């Protein structure tokens, strides 16, 4: 997960969906943490919204961390469906770190499509959620069987950092790790 080749994709962390997500606040906290690390290290961040007129916009806690142009609206469950991801800043990168909701619907379909398009995909286990824990568990196993790596948020951060004793390492360590 080299930072220079990675993009962080946050799938559908939306206002009306989140209250139904099992351990939803923990998912949001982990996603926001990853967005912060990505931004500190210059990794592009893309965020999708599934039918925002019905499900509401991106959660305000996450929206405050974003810049204009990071949000891509969609109607397909897969974020790849409309083709907008490829055109967004960072969409041409080869390594996709994926977070969001719901694990067994939009996240899974997006991951399977990214894999089919030849991308290397890493799904952050504590950064994805579903309404039911069992659906999340099954989706993670299916994505793993199809070639996605299931990782933790710190695995992502430390691989992006690559080495200690740098200004970036000290900044991320101080703000996000400790």
N, C-alpha and C. Protein backbone atom coordinates (compact mmCIF):
# COMPACT_ATOMS: atom_id res chain seq x y z
N UNK A 1 0.83 -1.19 0.00
CA UNK A 1 0.00 0.00 0.00
C UNK A 1 0.87 1.25 0.00
N UNK A 2 1.60 1.45 -1.03
CA UNK A 2 2.45 2.62 -1.16
C UNK A 2 1.58 3.88 -1.29
N UNK A 3 1.87 4.90 -0.49
CA UNK A 3 1.06 6.12 -0.49
C UNK A 3 0.98 6.77 -1.87
N UNK A 4 2.07 6.73 -2.61
CA UNK A 4 2.10 7.38 -3.92
C UNK A 4 1.27 6.65 -4.97
N UNK A 5 0.87 5.42 -4.68
CA UNK A 5 0.05 4.65 -5.61
C UNK A 5 -1.35 4.39 -5.09
N UNK A 6 -1.67 4.93 -3.91
CA UNK A 6 -2.94 4.63 -3.25
C UNK A 6 -3.96 5.74 -3.37
N UNK A 7 -5.22 5.33 -3.27
CA UNK A 7 -6.34 6.25 -3.10
C UNK A 7 -7.24 5.63 -2.02
N UNK A 8 -7.76 6.48 -1.15
CA UNK A 8 -8.69 6.03 -0.12
C UNK A 8 -10.10 6.28 -0.61
N UNK A 9 -10.90 5.23 -0.65
CA UNK A 9 -12.29 5.34 -1.08
C UNK A 9 -13.21 5.10 0.10
N UNK A 10 -14.08 6.08 0.37
CA UNK A 10 -15.08 5.99 1.44
C UNK A 10 -16.43 5.84 0.77
N UNK A 11 -17.07 4.70 0.97
CA UNK A 11 -18.32 4.38 0.31
C UNK A 11 -19.52 4.67 1.22
N UNK A 12 -20.33 5.63 0.85
CA UNK A 12 -21.68 5.84 1.40
C UNK A 12 -21.79 5.91 2.92
N UNK A 13 -21.00 6.76 3.53
CA UNK A 13 -21.14 7.00 4.98
C UNK A 13 -22.11 8.18 5.11
N UNK A 14 -23.41 7.86 5.09
CA UNK A 14 -24.45 8.86 4.94
C UNK A 14 -25.38 8.96 6.15
N UNK A 15 -25.96 10.14 6.28
CA UNK A 15 -26.76 10.50 7.44
C UNK A 15 -27.89 9.53 7.78
N UNK A 16 -28.69 9.16 6.80
CA UNK A 16 -29.86 8.32 7.09
C UNK A 16 -29.53 6.84 7.16
N UNK A 17 -28.39 6.46 6.66
CA UNK A 17 -27.99 5.05 6.69
C UNK A 17 -27.26 4.70 7.99
N UNK A 18 -26.44 5.62 8.47
CA UNK A 18 -25.56 5.31 9.60
C UNK A 18 -26.28 4.83 10.86
N UNK A 19 -27.42 5.40 11.27
CA UNK A 19 -28.04 4.92 12.51
C UNK A 19 -28.38 3.43 12.49
N UNK A 20 -28.54 2.83 11.33
CA UNK A 20 -28.88 1.41 11.24
C UNK A 20 -27.66 0.50 11.23
N UNK A 21 -26.46 1.07 11.11
CA UNK A 21 -25.24 0.28 10.98
C UNK A 21 -24.78 -0.24 12.33
N UNK A 22 -24.52 -1.55 12.40
CA UNK A 22 -24.00 -2.19 13.61
C UNK A 22 -22.67 -1.52 13.98
N UNK A 23 -22.57 -1.02 15.21
CA UNK A 23 -21.38 -0.32 15.67
C UNK A 23 -20.99 0.82 14.72
N UNK A 24 -22.01 1.54 14.26
CA UNK A 24 -21.82 2.59 13.27
C UNK A 24 -20.88 3.70 13.69
N UNK A 25 -20.94 4.14 14.94
CA UNK A 25 -20.05 5.22 15.36
C UNK A 25 -18.59 4.80 15.31
N UNK A 26 -18.29 3.57 15.63
CA UNK A 26 -16.92 3.07 15.53
C UNK A 26 -16.45 3.08 14.07
N UNK A 27 -17.34 2.69 13.17
CA UNK A 27 -16.99 2.72 11.74
C UNK A 27 -16.66 4.15 11.33
N UNK A 28 -17.51 5.11 11.72
CA UNK A 28 -17.28 6.52 11.37
C UNK A 28 -15.96 7.01 11.96
N UNK A 29 -15.70 6.69 13.21
CA UNK A 29 -14.45 7.12 13.84
C UNK A 29 -13.25 6.58 13.09
N UNK A 30 -13.29 5.33 12.68
CA UNK A 30 -12.18 4.73 11.94
C UNK A 30 -12.02 5.33 10.55
N UNK A 31 -13.13 5.59 9.89
CA UNK A 31 -13.08 6.22 8.56
C UNK A 31 -12.49 7.63 8.68
N UNK A 32 -12.95 8.41 9.64
CA UNK A 32 -12.42 9.76 9.82
C UNK A 32 -10.92 9.73 10.14
N UNK A 33 -10.49 8.78 10.94
CA UNK A 33 -9.09 8.61 11.26
C UNK A 33 -8.27 8.35 9.99
N UNK A 34 -8.76 7.45 9.16
CA UNK A 34 -8.06 7.13 7.91
C UNK A 34 -8.03 8.32 6.96
N UNK A 35 -9.12 9.06 6.88
CA UNK A 35 -9.15 10.27 6.04
C UNK A 35 -8.10 11.25 6.53
N UNK A 36 -8.00 11.42 7.85
CA UNK A 36 -6.99 12.32 8.40
C UNK A 36 -5.57 11.89 8.06
N UNK A 37 -5.28 10.62 8.20
CA UNK A 37 -3.95 10.10 7.86
C UNK A 37 -3.69 10.27 6.36
N UNK A 38 -4.67 9.94 5.55
CA UNK A 38 -4.51 10.09 4.09
C UNK A 38 -4.19 11.53 3.72
N UNK A 39 -4.94 12.45 4.26
CA UNK A 39 -4.72 13.86 3.95
C UNK A 39 -3.36 14.32 4.43
N UNK A 40 -2.92 13.85 5.62
CA UNK A 40 -1.60 14.23 6.15
C UNK A 40 -0.47 13.73 5.25
N UNK A 41 -0.70 12.62 4.55
CA UNK A 41 0.33 12.01 3.72
C UNK A 41 0.14 12.26 2.22
N UNK A 42 -0.85 13.06 1.87
CA UNK A 42 -1.07 13.39 0.46
C UNK A 42 -1.71 12.30 -0.36
N UNK A 43 -2.40 11.37 0.30
CA UNK A 43 -3.11 10.31 -0.42
C UNK A 43 -4.48 10.85 -0.81
N UNK A 44 -4.86 10.78 -2.08
CA UNK A 44 -6.19 11.27 -2.48
C UNK A 44 -7.31 10.51 -1.78
N UNK A 45 -8.38 11.22 -1.48
CA UNK A 45 -9.55 10.64 -0.83
C UNK A 45 -10.75 10.86 -1.75
N UNK A 46 -11.50 9.80 -2.00
CA UNK A 46 -12.75 9.89 -2.75
C UNK A 46 -13.87 9.38 -1.86
N UNK A 47 -15.01 10.03 -1.93
CA UNK A 47 -16.17 9.68 -1.11
C UNK A 47 -17.37 9.53 -2.04
N UNK A 48 -18.13 8.46 -1.87
CA UNK A 48 -19.34 8.30 -2.67
C UNK A 48 -20.57 8.51 -1.81
N UNK A 49 -21.64 8.92 -2.48
CA UNK A 49 -22.95 9.05 -1.85
C UNK A 49 -23.96 8.30 -2.70
N UNK A 50 -24.62 7.33 -2.08
CA UNK A 50 -25.66 6.54 -2.75
C UNK A 50 -26.98 7.30 -2.66
N UNK A 51 -27.48 7.74 -3.78
CA UNK A 51 -28.79 8.39 -3.85
C UNK A 51 -29.01 9.33 -2.66
N UNK A 52 -28.25 10.44 -2.60
CA UNK A 52 -28.30 11.32 -1.43
C UNK A 52 -29.67 11.95 -1.17
N UNK A 53 -30.51 12.09 -2.18
CA UNK A 53 -31.85 12.63 -1.94
C UNK A 53 -32.66 11.72 -1.03
N UNK A 54 -32.38 10.43 -1.07
CA UNK A 54 -33.09 9.48 -0.23
C UNK A 54 -32.36 9.13 1.05
N UNK A 55 -31.02 8.99 0.97
CA UNK A 55 -30.24 8.56 2.13
C UNK A 55 -29.52 9.70 2.84
N UNK A 56 -29.72 10.93 2.36
CA UNK A 56 -29.02 12.06 2.96
C UNK A 56 -27.59 12.12 2.47
N UNK A 57 -26.94 13.22 2.83
CA UNK A 57 -25.57 13.43 2.39
C UNK A 57 -24.58 12.70 3.28
N UNK A 58 -23.31 12.91 2.97
CA UNK A 58 -22.23 12.36 3.78
C UNK A 58 -22.35 12.92 5.19
N UNK A 59 -22.10 12.07 6.16
CA UNK A 59 -22.19 12.45 7.56
C UNK A 59 -21.36 13.72 7.83
N UNK A 60 -21.93 14.70 8.54
CA UNK A 60 -21.21 15.96 8.78
C UNK A 60 -19.82 15.79 9.39
N UNK A 61 -19.64 14.85 10.30
CA UNK A 61 -18.32 14.63 10.91
C UNK A 61 -17.27 14.28 9.86
N UNK A 62 -17.67 13.59 8.82
CA UNK A 62 -16.76 13.24 7.73
C UNK A 62 -16.67 14.39 6.72
N UNK A 63 -17.78 15.00 6.42
CA UNK A 63 -17.81 16.08 5.43
C UNK A 63 -16.85 17.21 5.80
N UNK A 64 -16.70 17.49 7.09
CA UNK A 64 -15.80 18.58 7.51
C UNK A 64 -14.35 18.30 7.16
N UNK A 65 -14.00 17.05 6.92
CA UNK A 65 -12.62 16.68 6.59
C UNK A 65 -12.35 16.71 5.09
N UNK A 66 -13.38 16.98 4.30
CA UNK A 66 -13.27 16.87 2.84
C UNK A 66 -13.14 18.23 2.16
N UNK A 67 -12.57 18.19 0.99
CA UNK A 67 -12.49 19.36 0.13
C UNK A 67 -13.46 19.18 -1.03
N UNK A 68 -13.84 20.28 -1.69
CA UNK A 68 -14.73 20.15 -2.85
C UNK A 68 -14.13 19.21 -3.90
N UNK A 69 -14.98 18.48 -4.56
CA UNK A 69 -14.55 17.57 -5.61
C UNK A 69 -14.23 16.17 -5.14
N UNK A 70 -14.27 15.94 -3.84
CA UNK A 70 -13.98 14.61 -3.31
C UNK A 70 -15.21 13.71 -3.33
N UNK A 71 -16.41 14.27 -3.44
CA UNK A 71 -17.64 13.48 -3.34
C UNK A 71 -18.18 13.17 -4.74
N UNK A 72 -18.49 11.90 -4.94
CA UNK A 72 -19.05 11.41 -6.20
C UNK A 72 -20.42 10.80 -5.89
N UNK A 73 -21.47 11.36 -6.50
CA UNK A 73 -22.82 10.79 -6.32
C UNK A 73 -22.99 9.59 -7.24
N UNK A 74 -23.82 8.64 -6.76
CA UNK A 74 -24.06 7.43 -7.56
C UNK A 74 -25.45 6.88 -7.31
N UNK A 75 -25.92 6.09 -8.25
CA UNK A 75 -27.17 5.35 -8.09
C UNK A 75 -26.94 3.85 -8.11
N UNK A 76 -25.91 3.40 -8.85
CA UNK A 76 -25.54 1.99 -8.82
C UNK A 76 -25.03 1.65 -7.43
N UNK A 77 -25.23 0.42 -7.00
CA UNK A 77 -24.66 0.01 -5.72
C UNK A 77 -23.14 0.05 -5.80
N UNK A 78 -22.57 -0.44 -6.89
CA UNK A 78 -21.13 -0.36 -7.08
C UNK A 78 -20.75 1.07 -7.44
N UNK A 79 -19.75 1.60 -6.75
CA UNK A 79 -19.27 2.94 -7.06
C UNK A 79 -18.60 3.01 -8.42
N UNK A 80 -18.27 1.85 -8.98
CA UNK A 80 -17.64 1.80 -10.29
C UNK A 80 -18.70 1.92 -11.40
N UNK A 81 -19.95 1.63 -11.08
CA UNK A 81 -21.03 1.54 -12.05
C UNK A 81 -21.19 2.72 -12.98
N UNK A 82 -21.16 3.93 -12.46
CA UNK A 82 -21.35 5.11 -13.31
C UNK A 82 -20.09 5.55 -14.04
N UNK A 83 -18.94 5.03 -13.63
CA UNK A 83 -17.68 5.38 -14.29
C UNK A 83 -17.05 6.67 -13.81
N UNK A 84 -17.64 7.32 -12.82
CA UNK A 84 -17.12 8.61 -12.35
C UNK A 84 -15.85 8.49 -11.52
N UNK A 85 -15.65 7.35 -10.86
CA UNK A 85 -14.46 7.20 -10.02
C UNK A 85 -13.17 7.35 -10.81
N UNK A 86 -13.17 6.83 -12.02
CA UNK A 86 -11.94 6.87 -12.82
C UNK A 86 -11.57 8.31 -13.17
N UNK A 87 -12.55 9.20 -13.24
CA UNK A 87 -12.32 10.59 -13.63
C UNK A 87 -11.98 11.49 -12.45
N UNK A 88 -12.23 11.04 -11.24
CA UNK A 88 -12.00 11.84 -10.04
C UNK A 88 -10.50 11.87 -9.71
N UNK A 89 -10.05 12.91 -8.99
CA UNK A 89 -8.64 12.98 -8.59
C UNK A 89 -8.23 11.73 -7.80
N UNK A 90 -7.23 11.03 -8.29
CA UNK A 90 -6.77 9.79 -7.66
C UNK A 90 -7.39 8.55 -8.27
N UNK A 91 -8.38 8.71 -9.12
CA UNK A 91 -9.08 7.58 -9.71
C UNK A 91 -8.23 6.72 -10.62
N UNK A 92 -7.09 7.25 -11.05
CA UNK A 92 -6.21 6.50 -11.93
C UNK A 92 -5.19 5.65 -11.16
N UNK A 93 -5.22 5.73 -9.84
CA UNK A 93 -4.25 4.99 -9.04
C UNK A 93 -4.57 3.50 -9.02
N UNK A 94 -3.55 2.70 -8.73
CA UNK A 94 -3.70 1.24 -8.83
C UNK A 94 -4.12 0.59 -7.51
N UNK A 95 -3.78 1.19 -6.38
CA UNK A 95 -4.09 0.59 -5.08
C UNK A 95 -5.24 1.34 -4.43
N UNK A 96 -6.32 0.63 -4.15
CA UNK A 96 -7.53 1.24 -3.58
C UNK A 96 -7.74 0.72 -2.17
N UNK A 97 -7.76 1.63 -1.22
CA UNK A 97 -8.06 1.29 0.17
C UNK A 97 -9.52 1.66 0.36
N UNK A 98 -10.35 0.69 0.72
CA UNK A 98 -11.80 0.88 0.72
C UNK A 98 -12.37 0.79 2.13
N UNK A 99 -13.26 1.74 2.44
CA UNK A 99 -13.99 1.78 3.69
C UNK A 99 -15.44 2.13 3.38
N UNK A 100 -16.33 2.05 4.37
CA UNK A 100 -17.69 2.53 4.18
C UNK A 100 -18.77 1.52 4.50
N UNK A 101 -19.96 1.82 3.98
CA UNK A 101 -21.15 1.02 4.27
C UNK A 101 -21.95 0.79 3.00
N UNK A 102 -22.79 -0.14 2.96
CA UNK A 102 -22.80 -1.33 3.75
C UNK A 102 -21.84 -2.33 3.16
N UNK A 103 -21.15 -3.05 4.04
CA UNK A 103 -20.10 -3.97 3.61
C UNK A 103 -20.59 -4.97 2.58
N UNK A 104 -21.78 -5.52 2.80
CA UNK A 104 -22.27 -6.60 1.94
C UNK A 104 -23.03 -6.11 0.71
N UNK A 105 -23.18 -4.80 0.57
CA UNK A 105 -23.90 -4.26 -0.59
C UNK A 105 -22.93 -3.39 -1.39
N UNK A 106 -22.92 -2.10 -1.13
CA UNK A 106 -22.14 -1.16 -1.95
C UNK A 106 -20.63 -1.37 -1.84
N UNK A 107 -20.13 -1.64 -0.64
CA UNK A 107 -18.69 -1.87 -0.50
C UNK A 107 -18.29 -3.11 -1.28
N UNK A 108 -19.00 -4.22 -1.07
CA UNK A 108 -18.64 -5.47 -1.74
C UNK A 108 -18.74 -5.35 -3.26
N UNK A 109 -19.82 -4.79 -3.77
CA UNK A 109 -19.96 -4.68 -5.22
C UNK A 109 -18.89 -3.77 -5.81
N UNK A 110 -18.53 -2.70 -5.09
CA UNK A 110 -17.46 -1.81 -5.54
C UNK A 110 -16.13 -2.56 -5.57
N UNK A 111 -15.83 -3.28 -4.51
CA UNK A 111 -14.57 -4.01 -4.42
C UNK A 111 -14.47 -5.05 -5.53
N UNK A 112 -15.53 -5.79 -5.76
CA UNK A 112 -15.50 -6.80 -6.82
C UNK A 112 -15.28 -6.16 -8.19
N UNK A 113 -15.90 -5.02 -8.43
CA UNK A 113 -15.71 -4.31 -9.71
C UNK A 113 -14.30 -3.73 -9.83
N UNK A 114 -13.76 -3.20 -8.73
CA UNK A 114 -12.38 -2.69 -8.76
C UNK A 114 -11.40 -3.83 -9.08
N UNK A 115 -11.61 -4.97 -8.45
CA UNK A 115 -10.76 -6.13 -8.73
C UNK A 115 -10.87 -6.56 -10.20
N UNK A 116 -12.09 -6.58 -10.71
CA UNK A 116 -12.31 -6.95 -12.12
C UNK A 116 -11.64 -5.96 -13.07
N UNK A 117 -11.48 -4.72 -12.62
CA UNK A 117 -10.84 -3.69 -13.44
C UNK A 117 -9.31 -3.70 -13.28
N UNK A 118 -8.79 -4.68 -12.54
CA UNK A 118 -7.35 -4.82 -12.41
C UNK A 118 -6.72 -4.02 -11.29
N UNK A 119 -7.52 -3.47 -10.39
CA UNK A 119 -6.97 -2.71 -9.26
C UNK A 119 -6.63 -3.65 -8.12
N UNK A 120 -5.66 -3.26 -7.33
CA UNK A 120 -5.32 -3.97 -6.09
C UNK A 120 -6.17 -3.33 -5.00
N UNK A 121 -6.90 -4.13 -4.23
CA UNK A 121 -7.89 -3.61 -3.29
C UNK A 121 -7.60 -4.09 -1.87
N UNK A 122 -7.68 -3.15 -0.95
CA UNK A 122 -7.48 -3.41 0.48
C UNK A 122 -8.71 -2.89 1.21
N UNK A 123 -9.41 -3.77 1.91
CA UNK A 123 -10.62 -3.40 2.64
C UNK A 123 -10.25 -3.29 4.13
N UNK A 124 -10.54 -2.13 4.71
CA UNK A 124 -10.20 -1.89 6.11
C UNK A 124 -11.30 -2.46 7.00
N UNK A 125 -10.99 -3.53 7.72
CA UNK A 125 -11.99 -4.28 8.47
C UNK A 125 -12.78 -3.41 9.44
N UNK A 126 -12.11 -2.58 10.23
CA UNK A 126 -12.82 -1.76 11.19
C UNK A 126 -13.38 -0.48 10.57
N UNK A 127 -13.18 -0.30 9.29
CA UNK A 127 -13.68 0.88 8.58
C UNK A 127 -14.86 0.56 7.67
N UNK A 128 -15.43 -0.62 7.81
CA UNK A 128 -16.63 -0.98 7.04
C UNK A 128 -17.70 -1.49 8.00
N UNK A 129 -18.95 -1.34 7.60
CA UNK A 129 -20.04 -1.79 8.46
C UNK A 129 -21.29 -2.13 7.69
N UNK A 130 -22.11 -2.96 8.32
CA UNK A 130 -23.42 -3.37 7.78
C UNK A 130 -24.43 -3.29 8.91
N UNK A 131 -25.70 -3.41 8.55
CA UNK A 131 -26.74 -3.41 9.59
C UNK A 131 -26.60 -4.62 10.50
N UNK A 132 -26.21 -5.74 9.93
CA UNK A 132 -26.03 -6.97 10.71
C UNK A 132 -24.56 -7.42 10.63
N UNK A 133 -24.02 -7.78 11.79
CA UNK A 133 -22.61 -8.20 11.86
C UNK A 133 -22.33 -9.40 10.94
N UNK A 134 -23.27 -10.31 10.85
CA UNK A 134 -23.07 -11.51 10.02
C UNK A 134 -22.92 -11.14 8.54
N UNK A 135 -23.68 -10.18 8.07
CA UNK A 135 -23.54 -9.73 6.68
C UNK A 135 -22.15 -9.17 6.42
N UNK A 136 -21.63 -8.41 7.37
CA UNK A 136 -20.26 -7.87 7.24
C UNK A 136 -19.25 -9.01 7.16
N UNK A 137 -19.39 -9.96 8.06
CA UNK A 137 -18.47 -11.10 8.12
C UNK A 137 -18.46 -11.88 6.80
N UNK A 138 -19.64 -12.17 6.28
CA UNK A 138 -19.74 -12.91 5.01
C UNK A 138 -19.15 -12.12 3.85
N UNK A 139 -19.41 -10.82 3.83
CA UNK A 139 -18.90 -9.98 2.74
C UNK A 139 -17.37 -9.91 2.78
N UNK A 140 -16.79 -9.77 3.97
CA UNK A 140 -15.34 -9.73 4.08
C UNK A 140 -14.72 -11.03 3.56
N UNK A 141 -15.33 -12.15 3.92
CA UNK A 141 -14.83 -13.44 3.45
C UNK A 141 -14.94 -13.56 1.93
N UNK A 142 -16.06 -13.13 1.39
CA UNK A 142 -16.23 -13.20 -0.07
C UNK A 142 -15.22 -12.32 -0.80
N UNK A 143 -15.04 -11.10 -0.31
CA UNK A 143 -14.08 -10.20 -0.95
C UNK A 143 -12.66 -10.77 -0.87
N UNK A 144 -12.32 -11.38 0.26
CA UNK A 144 -11.01 -12.02 0.42
C UNK A 144 -10.85 -13.14 -0.61
N UNK A 145 -11.89 -13.97 -0.77
CA UNK A 145 -11.83 -15.07 -1.73
C UNK A 145 -11.63 -14.59 -3.16
N UNK A 146 -12.08 -13.38 -3.45
CA UNK A 146 -11.95 -12.83 -4.80
C UNK A 146 -10.67 -12.03 -4.99
N UNK A 147 -9.84 -11.93 -3.95
CA UNK A 147 -8.54 -11.30 -4.12
C UNK A 147 -8.30 -10.01 -3.36
N UNK A 148 -9.28 -9.53 -2.61
CA UNK A 148 -9.06 -8.33 -1.81
C UNK A 148 -8.30 -8.69 -0.54
N UNK A 149 -7.43 -7.80 -0.11
CA UNK A 149 -6.74 -7.96 1.17
C UNK A 149 -7.61 -7.30 2.25
N UNK A 150 -7.80 -7.99 3.36
CA UNK A 150 -8.54 -7.43 4.49
C UNK A 150 -7.48 -6.95 5.48
N UNK A 151 -7.50 -5.66 5.81
CA UNK A 151 -6.44 -5.05 6.61
C UNK A 151 -7.03 -4.21 7.75
N UNK A 152 -6.14 -3.76 8.63
CA UNK A 152 -6.55 -2.85 9.70
C UNK A 152 -6.12 -1.43 9.33
N UNK A 153 -6.67 -0.47 10.03
CA UNK A 153 -6.34 0.93 9.73
C UNK A 153 -4.86 1.21 9.99
N UNK A 154 -4.29 0.61 11.04
CA UNK A 154 -2.87 0.86 11.31
C UNK A 154 -1.98 0.19 10.28
N UNK A 155 -2.40 -0.95 9.74
CA UNK A 155 -1.63 -1.56 8.66
C UNK A 155 -1.53 -0.58 7.49
N UNK A 156 -2.64 0.07 7.18
CA UNK A 156 -2.65 1.06 6.10
C UNK A 156 -1.69 2.20 6.43
N UNK A 157 -1.85 2.78 7.60
CA UNK A 157 -1.04 3.95 7.97
C UNK A 157 0.45 3.64 7.93
N UNK A 158 0.86 2.53 8.54
CA UNK A 158 2.29 2.23 8.59
C UNK A 158 2.86 1.85 7.23
N UNK A 159 2.06 1.22 6.38
CA UNK A 159 2.56 0.94 5.02
C UNK A 159 2.66 2.22 4.21
N UNK A 160 1.72 3.15 4.39
CA UNK A 160 1.84 4.45 3.73
C UNK A 160 3.08 5.20 4.21
N UNK A 161 3.38 5.10 5.50
CA UNK A 161 4.54 5.81 6.06
C UNK A 161 5.86 5.21 5.60
N UNK A 162 5.95 3.92 5.44
CA UNK A 162 7.12 3.17 4.97
C UNK A 162 8.28 3.11 5.94
N UNK A 163 8.60 4.21 6.65
CA UNK A 163 9.75 4.18 7.56
C UNK A 163 9.57 5.19 8.69
N UNK A 164 10.32 4.96 9.75
CA UNK A 164 10.30 5.85 10.91
C UNK A 164 11.32 6.97 10.71
N UNK A 165 11.37 7.85 11.68
CA UNK A 165 12.36 8.93 11.71
C UNK A 165 12.25 9.87 10.52
N UNK A 166 11.03 10.16 10.13
CA UNK A 166 10.78 11.18 9.12
C UNK A 166 9.80 12.18 9.71
N UNK A 167 9.72 13.34 9.10
CA UNK A 167 8.76 14.35 9.57
C UNK A 167 7.33 13.83 9.45
N UNK A 168 7.02 13.13 8.37
CA UNK A 168 5.67 12.58 8.19
C UNK A 168 5.36 11.55 9.27
N UNK A 169 6.33 10.70 9.57
CA UNK A 169 6.12 9.68 10.61
C UNK A 169 5.85 10.35 11.95
N UNK A 170 6.66 11.33 12.32
CA UNK A 170 6.47 12.01 13.60
C UNK A 170 5.11 12.71 13.67
N UNK A 171 4.70 13.34 12.57
CA UNK A 171 3.42 14.06 12.56
C UNK A 171 2.24 13.08 12.69
N UNK A 172 2.28 11.98 11.95
CA UNK A 172 1.20 11.00 12.02
C UNK A 172 1.22 10.31 13.37
N UNK A 173 2.38 9.98 13.88
CA UNK A 173 2.48 9.34 15.19
C UNK A 173 1.86 10.24 16.27
N UNK A 174 2.19 11.50 16.24
CA UNK A 174 1.72 12.45 17.25
C UNK A 174 0.20 12.66 17.16
N UNK A 175 -0.31 12.83 15.95
CA UNK A 175 -1.72 13.18 15.78
C UNK A 175 -2.65 11.98 15.73
N UNK A 176 -2.21 10.85 15.21
CA UNK A 176 -3.12 9.74 14.95
C UNK A 176 -2.82 8.43 15.70
N UNK A 177 -1.56 8.15 15.98
CA UNK A 177 -1.21 6.86 16.55
C UNK A 177 -1.25 6.88 18.08
N UNK A 178 -0.76 7.91 18.68
CA UNK A 178 -0.69 7.96 20.15
C UNK A 178 -1.96 8.44 20.78
